[in-house]
Amino acid sequence: MTRNELTDRIGYAERDLAFLRQLKTNCTTCDHYQGGYCKKHQGNPPPEFAAVGCDDWNYDDVPF
């Protein structure tokens, strides 16, 4: 690996880490949550709970 390649890899890792750190792990970003309804738990979580989320939070950042 060259110095430039190392610098590039560090830059990619830093951008990826910044993206991961900004993710909110609440219902609004969960794959199970659609339109106010949780498909995992079969119900509509109250807004105060949806703002925090649960341990079953799941996120798939694949765009297709």
Protein backbone atom coordinates (compact mmCIF):
# COMPACT_ATOMS: atom_id res chain seq x y z
CA MET A 1 0.00 0.00 0.00
CA THR A 2 1.30 3.43 -0.85
CA ARG A 3 1.02 6.56 1.27
CA ASN A 4 -1.70 7.91 -1.03
CA GLU A 5 -3.65 4.65 -0.85
CA LEU A 6 -3.46 4.71 2.94
CA THR A 7 -4.66 8.32 2.99
CA ASP A 8 -7.58 7.38 0.72
CA ARG A 9 -8.55 4.40 2.88
CA ILE A 10 -8.46 6.53 6.02
CA GLY A 11 -10.67 9.11 4.32
CA TYR A 12 -13.20 6.46 3.27
CA ALA A 13 -13.24 4.99 6.77
CA GLU A 14 -13.72 8.42 8.37
CA ARG A 15 -16.65 9.23 6.05
CA ASP A 16 -18.23 5.86 6.74
CA LEU A 17 -17.80 6.30 10.49
CA ALA A 18 -19.31 9.79 10.35
CA PHE A 19 -22.33 8.38 8.49
CA LEU A 20 -22.77 5.57 11.04
CA ARG A 21 -22.48 7.97 13.98
CA GLN A 22 -25.22 10.24 12.63
CA LEU A 23 -27.74 7.40 12.29
CA LYS A 24 -30.61 7.63 14.73
CA THR A 25 -31.40 4.19 16.16
CA ASN A 26 -35.08 4.85 16.71
CA CYS A 27 -38.26 3.62 15.03
CA THR A 28 -38.16 6.22 12.26
CA THR A 29 -34.98 4.68 10.77
CA CYS A 30 -35.86 1.05 11.46
CA ASP A 31 -36.61 -1.32 8.58
CA HIS A 32 -39.52 -2.77 10.56
CA TYR A 33 -41.28 0.61 10.80
CA GLN A 34 -43.56 1.82 8.01
CA GLY A 35 -46.04 4.63 8.21
CA GLY A 36 -46.21 4.60 12.01
CA TYR A 37 -46.64 0.82 12.19
CA CYS A 38 -44.04 -1.69 13.46
CA LYS A 39 -44.14 -4.88 11.38
CA LYS A 40 -41.89 -6.68 13.89
CA HIS A 41 -44.13 -6.07 16.92
CA GLN A 42 -47.42 -5.74 15.01
CA GLY A 43 -48.49 -2.39 16.36
CA ASN A 44 -48.26 1.38 16.39
CA PRO A 45 -45.67 2.47 18.95
CA PRO A 46 -46.51 5.64 20.88
CA PRO A 47 -44.56 8.70 19.65
CA GLU A 48 -42.45 8.92 22.82
CA PHE A 49 -41.36 5.28 22.34
CA ALA A 50 -40.82 5.67 18.57
CA ALA A 51 -38.39 8.53 19.29
CA VAL A 52 -36.20 6.12 21.30
CA GLY A 53 -36.77 2.77 19.58
CA CYS A 54 -36.10 -0.73 20.85
CA ASP A 55 -33.42 -3.43 20.85
CA ASP A 56 -34.89 -4.96 17.69
CA TRP A 57 -33.86 -1.93 15.61
CA ASN A 58 -32.64 -3.00 12.17
CA TYR A 59 -31.21 -0.92 9.35
CA ASP A 60 -30.20 -2.03 5.89
CA ASP A 61 -28.44 0.72 3.99
CA VAL A 62 -28.53 -1.13 0.68
CA PRO A 63 -30.52 1.14 -1.65
CA PHE A 64 -32.26 -1.66 -3.60
